[in-house]
Amino acid sequence: MQISVELTLTPLQNDYEDHIIRFIKKLRLSEFTIIENPLSTQVYGEYDKVMLFLTQEIKKAFGDMDNVLVYMKMVKSNRSDYEPNF
């Protein structure tokens, strides 16, 4: 089953930029389709593989910071080729 996941990592500390950059770079190195915008990063791929990968990377990110939020939205389909038609 293919999924689309939108993530926003929000460190609640002063050195937040380094943590966000490190997290995004790890996503970029993955086998998945990654699309970035100024507010979030989208990850597209097979459900089990994506979720295993994200679980590991989010846990690492949580271990690197004292206070952090992760906002996540998931859709059951790969929407990486979505283009508005209006």
Protein backbone atom coordinates (compact mmCIF):
# COMPACT_ATOMS: atom_id res chain seq x y z
CA MET A 1 0.00 0.00 0.00
CA GLN A 2 1.36 3.40 -1.00
CA ILE A 3 1.19 6.39 1.36
CA SER A 4 1.95 10.08 1.43
CA VAL A 5 3.19 11.60 4.69
CA GLU A 6 3.59 15.29 5.43
CA LEU A 7 5.98 16.09 8.29
CA THR A 8 6.83 19.25 10.17
CA LEU A 9 9.59 18.97 12.78
CA THR A 10 9.38 21.78 15.36
CA PRO A 11 12.21 21.88 17.91
CA LEU A 12 11.26 24.01 20.92
CA GLN A 13 14.74 25.34 21.58
CA ASN A 14 17.06 28.08 20.37
CA ASP A 15 19.26 25.98 18.05
CA TYR A 16 16.29 24.67 16.09
CA GLU A 17 17.70 25.24 12.59
CA ASP A 18 20.52 22.70 12.91
CA HIS A 19 18.08 20.02 14.07
CA ILE A 20 15.65 20.68 11.23
CA ILE A 21 18.42 20.64 8.62
CA ARG A 22 19.85 17.38 9.99
CA PHE A 23 16.40 15.73 9.96
CA ILE A 24 15.66 16.82 6.37
CA LYS A 25 19.08 15.63 5.18
CA LYS A 26 18.35 12.17 6.60
CA LEU A 27 15.02 12.12 4.78
CA ARG A 28 16.78 13.10 1.54
CA LEU A 29 19.16 10.14 1.88
CA SER A 30 16.29 7.65 2.08
CA GLU A 31 14.97 5.51 -0.76
CA PHE A 32 11.69 7.41 -0.79
CA THR A 33 10.39 10.26 -2.92
CA ILE A 34 10.88 13.46 -0.90
CA ILE A 35 9.32 16.82 -1.72
CA GLU A 36 10.11 19.87 0.40
CA ASN A 37 8.51 23.25 0.81
CA PRO A 38 9.17 26.05 3.32
CA LEU A 39 6.70 24.67 5.89
CA SER A 40 6.94 20.88 5.64
CA THR A 41 8.48 17.86 3.98
CA GLN A 42 6.51 15.15 2.21
CA VAL A 43 7.59 11.50 2.08
CA TYR A 44 6.06 9.10 -0.44
CA GLY A 45 6.42 5.34 -0.63
CA GLU A 46 5.31 1.91 0.55
CA TYR A 47 3.56 2.04 3.93
CA ASP A 48 5.62 -0.49 5.91
CA LYS A 49 8.96 0.85 4.67
CA VAL A 50 8.05 4.50 5.16
CA MET A 51 6.67 3.97 8.65
CA LEU A 52 9.67 1.90 9.78
CA PHE A 53 12.03 4.56 8.45
CA LEU A 54 10.10 7.46 9.99
CA THR A 55 9.77 5.71 13.35
CA GLN A 56 13.55 5.31 13.51
CA GLU A 57 14.38 8.83 12.34
CA ILE A 58 11.81 10.53 14.58
CA LYS A 59 13.15 8.57 17.56
CA LYS A 60 16.70 9.75 16.75
CA ALA A 61 15.49 13.34 16.42
CA PHE A 62 13.68 13.09 19.77
CA GLY A 63 16.89 11.78 21.34
CA ASP A 64 18.83 14.82 20.09
CA MET A 65 16.48 17.41 21.60
CA ASP A 66 14.91 18.16 24.95
CA ASN A 67 11.62 19.48 23.56
CA VAL A 68 10.32 18.85 20.06
CA LEU A 69 7.04 18.46 18.20
CA VAL A 70 6.39 16.47 15.05
CA TYR A 71 3.26 17.19 13.07
CA MET A 72 2.33 14.41 10.69
CA LYS A 73 -0.47 13.95 8.16
CA MET A 74 -0.93 10.72 6.21
CA VAL A 75 -2.89 9.85 3.09
CA LYS A 76 -3.47 6.33 1.80
CA SER A 77 -2.08 6.82 -1.71
CA ASN A 78 1.05 8.17 -3.32
CA ARG A 79 0.23 11.79 -4.16
CA SER A 80 3.75 12.78 -5.26
CA ASP A 81 2.57 13.53 -8.79
CA TYR A 82 -0.33 15.75 -7.70
CA GLU A 83 -0.81 18.93 -9.71
CA PRO A 84 -3.71 21.32 -9.13
CA ASN A 85 -6.10 21.48 -12.06
CA PHE A 86 -7.75 24.78 -11.27
